[in-house]
Amino acid sequence: MLFLLLAIYLTKLVKTDEYHYSLSDLFKYMKGLRTSLVIDGALHRVSLIIVTIFSLQYLKTEINFGLFLSVAALMGVFVALPIAKISDKNQKREFLIWSLSVLSAVLMFSFIFVESFWSYAFLALSLKLISSIIDPVRANVVLDKRDANDPISWLSREFFLNIGRMLLIGATALLVNFDYFKSVFVLLAILYLLYPILLHYKKVYYVATN
């Protein structure tokens, strides 16, 4: 509560600007990236929401749950920043996106075979580690292809990311409601594979050669 109150106070110190836009502006500006951003929005909440929720099948006490989340968070902190810097330096985003997306899909699909806490913890922490690497790389796709100084870039990005988040949470709630728990993992594995395929199909990182 103290941290939240501090955050609320600090937002009052942030300089605010107004930017007027229409819904059609958001759709037009992100043409070619809209579907990939929706998928990105869904995948951006996988380790934070989906994996955390399903961990409650094995973690029955507050202490164990807190330890699990703390270890996962620390892994992300120590790995994500160095990899993001490497990605910015060599600009090999497509290679990272392909390799890490396929690895994430394999890890996600493996969840359907889990029958113990330790196997679940291994997969969950591994996925958290990979997510900490690939999330900032996916975020840089918009920065590579759109003007980062234009407010419409961020407005459009968040608009489509939120659509993806809502669709994932809605689909997960529906599947869980009908006891199709493992189908959630299959759905997410498909999304992980679909993301790099879509970027390749849209030629997002296509470079013409003579």
C-alpha atoms as a PDB file:
ATOM      1  CA  MET A   1       0.000   0.000   0.000  1.00  0.00           C
ATOM      2  CA  LEU A   2       2.876   2.376   0.808  1.00  0.00           C
ATOM      3  CA  PHE A   3       4.471   1.775  -2.595  1.00  0.00           C
ATOM      4  CA  LEU A   4       1.137   2.299  -4.343  1.00  0.00           C
ATOM      5  CA  LEU A   5       0.481   5.546  -2.479  1.00  0.00           C
ATOM      6  CA  LEU A   6       3.979   6.745  -3.341  1.00  0.00           C
ATOM      7  CA  ALA A   7       3.378   5.939  -7.010  1.00  0.00           C
ATOM      8  CA  ILE A   8       0.094   7.879  -6.971  1.00  0.00           C
ATOM      9  CA  TYR A   9       1.867  10.870  -5.460  1.00  0.00           C
ATOM     10  CA  LEU A  10       4.737  10.766  -7.964  1.00  0.00           C
ATOM     11  CA  THR A  11       2.361  10.743 -10.938  1.00  0.00           C
ATOM     12  CA  LYS A  12       1.266  14.239  -9.879  1.00  0.00           C
ATOM     13  CA  LEU A  13       4.814  15.446 -10.559  1.00  0.00           C
ATOM     14  CA  VAL A  14       4.878  14.125 -14.129  1.00  0.00           C
ATOM     15  CA  LYS A  15       4.405  16.703 -16.841  1.00  0.00           C
ATOM     16  CA  THR A  16       1.210  16.033 -18.784  1.00  0.00           C
ATOM     17  CA  ASP A  17       0.427  16.805 -22.422  1.00  0.00           C
ATOM     18  CA  GLU A  18      -2.701  16.449 -24.507  1.00  0.00           C
ATOM     19  CA  TYR A  19      -2.814  14.556 -27.776  1.00  0.00           C
ATOM     20  CA  HIS A  20      -5.999  14.268 -29.792  1.00  0.00           C
ATOM     21  CA  TYR A  21      -6.617  11.202 -31.955  1.00  0.00           C
ATOM     22  CA  SER A  22      -9.406   9.065 -33.353  1.00  0.00           C
ATOM     23  CA  LEU A  23      -9.951   5.322 -33.370  1.00  0.00           C
ATOM     24  CA  SER A  24      -9.287   5.242 -37.108  1.00  0.00           C
ATOM     25  CA  ASP A  25      -5.896   6.862 -36.458  1.00  0.00           C
ATOM     26  CA  LEU A  26      -4.911   3.960 -34.203  1.00  0.00           C
ATOM     27  CA  PHE A  27      -5.858   1.376 -36.822  1.00  0.00           C
ATOM     28  CA  LYS A  28      -4.213   3.170 -39.742  1.00  0.00           C
ATOM     29  CA  TYR A  29      -0.960   3.928 -37.962  1.00  0.00           C
ATOM     30  CA  MET A  30      -0.237   0.329 -37.004  1.00  0.00           C
ATOM     31  CA  LYS A  31      -1.166  -1.199 -40.343  1.00  0.00           C
ATOM     32  CA  GLY A  32       0.997  -4.287 -40.851  1.00  0.00           C
ATOM     33  CA  LEU A  33       1.641  -4.677 -37.128  1.00  0.00           C
ATOM     34  CA  ARG A  34      -1.862  -4.834 -35.673  1.00  0.00           C
ATOM     35  CA  THR A  35      -2.276  -8.620 -35.454  1.00  0.00           C
ATOM     36  CA  SER A  36       1.266  -9.128 -34.172  1.00  0.00           C
ATOM     37  CA  LEU A  37       0.633  -6.527 -31.457  1.00  0.00           C
ATOM     38  CA  VAL A  38      -2.555  -8.312 -30.371  1.00  0.00           C
ATOM     39  CA  ILE A  39      -0.582 -11.557 -30.029  1.00  0.00           C
ATOM     40  CA  ASP A  40       2.211  -9.688 -28.247  1.00  0.00           C
ATOM     41  CA  GLY A  41      -0.316  -8.306 -25.777  1.00  0.00           C
ATOM     42  CA  ALA A  42      -1.578 -11.804 -25.038  1.00  0.00           C
ATOM     43  CA  LEU A  43       1.902 -13.268 -24.608  1.00  0.00           C
ATOM     44  CA  HIS A  44       3.067 -10.350 -22.474  1.00  0.00           C
ATOM     45  CA  ARG A  45       0.810 -11.527 -19.657  1.00  0.00           C
ATOM     46  CA  VAL A  46       1.551 -15.246 -19.873  1.00  0.00           C
ATOM     47  CA  SER A  47       4.193 -15.544 -17.172  1.00  0.00           C
ATOM     48  CA  LEU A  48       2.583 -12.857 -15.025  1.00  0.00           C
ATOM     49  CA  ILE A  49      -0.996 -14.122 -15.048  1.00  0.00           C
ATOM     50  CA  ILE A  50      -1.434 -17.564 -16.601  1.00  0.00           C
ATOM     51  CA  VAL A  51       1.600 -19.303 -15.106  1.00  0.00           C
ATOM     52  CA  THR A  52       0.996 -17.626 -11.747  1.00  0.00           C
ATOM     53  CA  ILE A  53      -2.656 -18.651 -11.625  1.00  0.00           C
ATOM     54  CA  PHE A  54      -1.937 -22.271 -12.496  1.00  0.00           C
ATOM     55  CA  SER A  55       0.854 -22.415  -9.916  1.00  0.00           C
ATOM     56  CA  LEU A  56      -1.867 -22.227  -7.257  1.00  0.00           C
ATOM     57  CA  GLN A  57      -2.583 -25.890  -7.994  1.00  0.00           C
ATOM     58  CA  TYR A  58       0.727 -26.701  -6.285  1.00  0.00           C
ATOM     59  CA  LEU A  59       1.500 -23.755  -3.991  1.00  0.00           C
ATOM     60  CA  LYS A  60      -0.795 -23.900  -0.988  1.00  0.00           C
ATOM     61  CA  THR A  61       0.831 -21.432   1.427  1.00  0.00           C
ATOM     62  CA  GLU A  62       1.504 -17.709   1.172  1.00  0.00           C
ATOM     63  CA  ILE A  63       5.222 -18.170   1.939  1.00  0.00           C
ATOM     64  CA  ASN A  64       5.784 -20.705  -0.842  1.00  0.00           C
ATOM     65  CA  PHE A  65       3.807 -18.600  -3.296  1.00  0.00           C
ATOM     66  CA  GLY A  66       5.846 -15.504  -2.397  1.00  0.00           C
ATOM     67  CA  LEU A  67       9.132 -17.391  -2.714  1.00  0.00           C
ATOM     68  CA  PHE A  68       8.126 -18.729  -6.111  1.00  0.00           C
ATOM     69  CA  LEU A  69       7.264 -15.262  -7.444  1.00  0.00           C
ATOM     70  CA  SER A  70      10.401 -13.719  -5.929  1.00  0.00           C
ATOM     71  CA  VAL A  71      12.717 -16.253  -7.551  1.00  0.00           C
ATOM     72  CA  ALA A  72      10.946 -15.782 -10.885  1.00  0.00           C
ATOM     73  CA  ALA A  73      11.267 -11.989 -10.635  1.00  0.00           C
ATOM     74  CA  LEU A  74      14.971 -12.100  -9.749  1.00  0.00           C
ATOM     75  CA  MET A  75      15.705 -14.333 -12.709  1.00  0.00           C
ATOM     76  CA  GLY A  76      14.056 -11.804 -14.975  1.00  0.00           C
ATOM     77  CA  VAL A  77      15.978  -8.835 -13.533  1.00  0.00           C
ATOM     78  CA  PHE A  78      19.415 -10.390 -13.961  1.00  0.00           C
ATOM     79  CA  VAL A  79      18.802 -11.745 -17.458  1.00  0.00           C
ATOM     80  CA  ALA A  80      16.478  -9.347 -19.296  1.00  0.00           C
ATOM     81  CA  LEU A  81      18.619  -6.182 -19.232  1.00  0.00           C
ATOM     82  CA  PRO A  82      21.853  -7.703 -20.630  1.00  0.00           C
ATOM     83  CA  ILE A  83      19.963  -9.480 -23.418  1.00  0.00           C
ATOM     84  CA  ALA A  84      18.013  -6.318 -24.286  1.00  0.00           C
ATOM     85  CA  LYS A  85      21.285  -4.403 -24.614  1.00  0.00           C
ATOM     86  CA  ILE A  86      22.727  -7.101 -26.876  1.00  0.00           C
ATOM     87  CA  SER A  87      19.575  -6.980 -28.994  1.00  0.00           C
ATOM     88  CA  ASP A  88      19.816  -3.183 -29.338  1.00  0.00           C
ATOM     89  CA  LYS A  89      23.486  -3.403 -30.264  1.00  0.00           C
ATOM     90  CA  ASN A  90      23.423  -6.069 -32.984  1.00  0.00           C
ATOM     91  CA  GLN A  91      19.817  -5.522 -34.166  1.00  0.00           C
ATOM     92  CA  LYS A  92      19.334  -9.290 -34.654  1.00  0.00           C
ATOM     93  CA  ARG A  93      15.754  -9.100 -33.479  1.00  0.00           C
ATOM     94  CA  GLU A  94      14.271 -11.581 -35.916  1.00  0.00           C
ATOM     95  CA  PHE A  95      16.769 -14.289 -34.928  1.00  0.00           C
ATOM     96  CA  LEU A  96      16.036 -13.755 -31.222  1.00  0.00           C
ATOM     97  CA  ILE A  97      12.294 -13.660 -31.811  1.00  0.00           C
ATOM     98  CA  TRP A  98      12.321 -16.901 -33.810  1.00  0.00           C
ATOM     99  CA  SER A  99      14.590 -18.865 -31.464  1.00  0.00           C
ATOM    100  CA  LEU A 100      13.010 -17.670 -28.216  1.00  0.00           C
ATOM    101  CA  SER A 101       9.441 -18.002 -29.510  1.00  0.00           C
ATOM    102  CA  VAL A 102      10.010 -21.604 -30.561  1.00  0.00           C
ATOM    103  CA  LEU A 103      11.652 -22.378 -27.219  1.00  0.00           C
ATOM    104  CA  SER A 104       8.733 -20.731 -25.388  1.00  0.00           C
ATOM    105  CA  ALA A 105       6.258 -22.793 -27.422  1.00  0.00           C
ATOM    106  CA  VAL A 106       8.073 -26.004 -26.485  1.00  0.00           C
ATOM    107  CA  LEU A 107       8.092 -25.051 -22.787  1.00  0.00           C
ATOM    108  CA  MET A 108       4.441 -24.061 -22.874  1.00  0.00           C
ATOM    109  CA  PHE A 109       3.381 -27.278 -24.583  1.00  0.00           C
ATOM    110  CA  SER A 110       5.365 -29.261 -22.001  1.00  0.00           C
ATOM    111  CA  PHE A 111       3.060 -27.991 -19.250  1.00  0.00           C
ATOM    112  CA  ILE A 112       0.364 -30.461 -20.354  1.00  0.00           C
ATOM    113  CA  PHE A 113       2.579 -33.329 -19.157  1.00  0.00           C
ATOM    114  CA  VAL A 114       3.259 -31.843 -15.703  1.00  0.00           C
ATOM    115  CA  GLU A 115       2.197 -33.969 -12.731  1.00  0.00           C
ATOM    116  CA  SER A 116       4.330 -32.598  -9.871  1.00  0.00           C
ATOM    117  CA  PHE A 117       5.269 -29.267  -8.358  1.00  0.00           C
ATOM    118  CA  TRP A 118       8.972 -29.519  -9.162  1.00  0.00           C
ATOM    119  CA  SER A 119       8.399 -30.201 -12.831  1.00  0.00           C
ATOM    120  CA  TYR A 120       5.912 -27.324 -12.903  1.00  0.00           C
ATOM    121  CA  ALA A 121       8.370 -25.026 -11.094  1.00  0.00           C
ATOM    122  CA  PHE A 122      11.153 -25.910 -13.532  1.00  0.00           C
ATOM    123  CA  LEU A 123       9.006 -25.135 -16.569  1.00  0.00           C
ATOM    124  CA  ALA A 124       7.486 -22.008 -14.999  1.00  0.00           C
ATOM    125  CA  LEU A 125      10.845 -20.522 -14.010  1.00  0.00           C
ATOM    126  CA  SER A 126      12.341 -21.433 -17.392  1.00  0.00           C
ATOM    127  CA  LEU A 127       9.429 -19.747 -19.152  1.00  0.00           C
ATOM    128  CA  LYS A 128       9.785 -16.700 -16.892  1.00  0.00           C
ATOM    129  CA  LEU A 129      13.451 -16.521 -17.807  1.00  0.00           C
ATOM    130  CA  ILE A 130      12.740 -16.722 -21.535  1.00  0.00           C
ATOM    131  CA  SER A 131       9.847 -14.239 -21.231  1.00  0.00           C
ATOM    132  CA  SER A 132      12.130 -11.743 -19.502  1.00  0.00           C
ATOM    133  CA  ILE A 133      14.384 -11.915 -22.545  1.00  0.00           C
ATOM    134  CA  ILE A 134      11.842 -11.917 -25.347  1.00  0.00           C
ATOM    135  CA  ASP A 135       9.320  -9.393 -23.957  1.00  0.00           C
ATOM    136  CA  PRO A 136      11.610  -6.350 -24.419  1.00  0.00           C
ATOM    137  CA  VAL A 137      12.689  -7.670 -27.826  1.00  0.00           C
ATOM    138  CA  ARG A 138       9.062  -7.843 -28.974  1.00  0.00           C
ATOM    139  CA  ALA A 139       8.486  -4.365 -27.560  1.00  0.00           C
ATOM    140  CA  ASN A 140      11.283  -3.011 -29.743  1.00  0.00           C
ATOM    141  CA  VAL A 141       9.504  -4.111 -32.929  1.00  0.00           C
ATOM    142  CA  VAL A 142       7.321  -0.999 -32.811  1.00  0.00           C
ATOM    143  CA  LEU A 143      10.333   1.205 -32.051  1.00  0.00           C
ATOM    144  CA  ASP A 144      12.122  -0.238 -35.081  1.00  0.00           C
ATOM    145  CA  LYS A 145       9.223   0.371 -37.453  1.00  0.00           C
ATOM    146  CA  ARG A 146       7.490   3.477 -36.115  1.00  0.00           C
ATOM    147  CA  ASP A 147       8.529   6.896 -34.802  1.00  0.00           C
ATOM    148  CA  ALA A 148       9.172   6.520 -31.068  1.00  0.00           C
ATOM    149  CA  ASN A 149       8.776  10.279 -30.575  1.00  0.00           C
ATOM    150  CA  ASP A 150       5.266  10.321 -32.002  1.00  0.00           C
ATOM    151  CA  PRO A 151       2.601   9.843 -29.276  1.00  0.00           C
ATOM    152  CA  ILE A 152       0.401   7.898 -31.703  1.00  0.00           C
ATOM    153  CA  SER A 153       3.039   5.138 -31.684  1.00  0.00           C
ATOM    154  CA  TRP A 154       2.497   4.483 -27.978  1.00  0.00           C
ATOM    155  CA  LEU A 155      -1.253   5.041 -28.070  1.00  0.00           C
ATOM    156  CA  SER A 156      -1.662   2.584 -30.944  1.00  0.00           C
ATOM    157  CA  ARG A 157       0.662   0.032 -29.382  1.00  0.00           C
ATOM    158  CA  GLU A 158      -1.118   0.023 -26.025  1.00  0.00           C
ATOM    159  CA  PHE A 159      -4.511  -0.121 -27.728  1.00  0.00           C
ATOM    160  CA  PHE A 160      -3.713  -3.349 -29.562  1.00  0.00           C
ATOM    161  CA  LEU A 161      -1.736  -4.822 -26.661  1.00  0.00           C
ATOM    162  CA  ASN A 162      -4.773  -4.406 -24.414  1.00  0.00           C
ATOM    163  CA  ILE A 163      -6.987  -6.114 -26.973  1.00  0.00           C
ATOM    164  CA  GLY A 164      -4.639  -9.108 -26.861  1.00  0.00           C
ATOM    165  CA  ARG A 165      -4.610  -9.140 -23.067  1.00  0.00           C
ATOM    166  CA  MET A 166      -8.396  -9.087 -22.857  1.00  0.00           C
ATOM    167  CA  LEU A 167      -8.757 -11.832 -25.464  1.00  0.00           C
ATOM    168  CA  LEU A 168      -6.263 -14.080 -23.668  1.00  0.00           C
ATOM    169  CA  ILE A 169      -7.846 -13.588 -20.248  1.00  0.00           C
ATOM    170  CA  GLY A 170     -11.313 -14.157 -21.718  1.00  0.00           C
ATOM    171  CA  ALA A 171     -10.252 -17.314 -23.571  1.00  0.00           C
ATOM    172  CA  THR A 172      -8.479 -18.624 -20.459  1.00  0.00           C
ATOM    173  CA  ALA A 173     -11.512 -17.998 -18.253  1.00  0.00           C
ATOM    174  CA  LEU A 174     -13.753 -19.772 -20.758  1.00  0.00           C
ATOM    175  CA  LEU A 175     -11.501 -22.815 -21.090  1.00  0.00           C
ATOM    176  CA  VAL A 176     -10.977 -23.108 -17.337  1.00  0.00           C
ATOM    177  CA  ASN A 177     -14.705 -22.776 -16.741  1.00  0.00           C
ATOM    178  CA  PHE A 178     -15.276 -25.883 -18.872  1.00  0.00           C
ATOM    179  CA  ASP A 179     -12.315 -27.722 -17.263  1.00  0.00           C
ATOM    180  CA  TYR A 180     -10.122 -27.536 -20.365  1.00  0.00           C
ATOM    181  CA  PHE A 181      -7.064 -26.592 -18.338  1.00  0.00           C
ATOM    182  CA  LYS A 182      -4.474 -28.113 -20.642  1.00  0.00           C
ATOM    183  CA  SER A 183      -6.045 -26.468 -23.677  1.00  0.00           C
ATOM    184  CA  VAL A 184      -4.831 -23.120 -22.314  1.00  0.00           C
ATOM    185  CA  PHE A 185      -1.231 -24.274 -22.664  1.00  0.00           C
ATOM    186  CA  VAL A 186      -1.845 -25.561 -26.186  1.00  0.00           C
ATOM    187  CA  LEU A 187      -3.412 -22.232 -27.171  1.00  0.00           C
ATOM    188  CA  LEU A 188      -0.441 -20.299 -25.820  1.00  0.00           C
ATOM    189  CA  ALA A 189       2.062 -22.592 -27.547  1.00  0.00           C
ATOM    190  CA  ILE A 190       0.283 -21.893 -30.846  1.00  0.00           C
ATOM    191  CA  LEU A 191       0.434 -18.123 -30.211  1.00  0.00           C
ATOM    192  CA  TYR A 192       4.164 -18.314 -29.499  1.00  0.00           C
ATOM    193  CA  LEU A 193       4.716 -20.046 -32.851  1.00  0.00           C
ATOM    194  CA  LEU A 194       2.324 -17.772 -34.702  1.00  0.00           C
ATOM    195  CA  TYR A 195       4.079 -14.549 -33.674  1.00  0.00           C
ATOM    196  CA  PRO A 196       7.393 -14.993 -35.584  1.00  0.00           C
ATOM    197  CA  ILE A 197       5.576 -16.552 -38.538  1.00  0.00           C
ATOM    198  CA  LEU A 198       3.360 -13.478 -38.762  1.00  0.00           C
ATOM    199  CA  LEU A 199       6.325 -11.088 -38.598  1.00  0.00           C
ATOM    200  CA  HIS A 200       8.013 -13.037 -41.379  1.00  0.00           C
ATOM    201  CA  TYR A 201       4.854 -13.111 -43.499  1.00  0.00           C
ATOM    202  CA  LYS A 202       4.392  -9.352 -43.067  1.00  0.00           C
ATOM    203  CA  LYS A 203       8.094  -8.843 -43.915  1.00  0.00           C
ATOM    204  CA  VAL A 204       8.529  -6.680 -40.838  1.00  0.00           C
ATOM    205  CA  TYR A 205      12.297  -7.224 -40.858  1.00  0.00           C
ATOM    206  CA  TYR A 206      12.608  -7.776 -44.570  1.00  0.00           C
ATOM    207  CA  VAL A 207      15.733  -6.302 -46.113  1.00  0.00           C
ATOM    208  CA  ALA A 208      15.928  -6.037 -49.884  1.00  0.00           C
ATOM    209  CA  THR A 209      19.095  -7.384 -51.483  1.00  0.00           C
ATOM    210  CA  ASN A 210      20.544  -6.596 -54.875  1.00  0.00           C
END
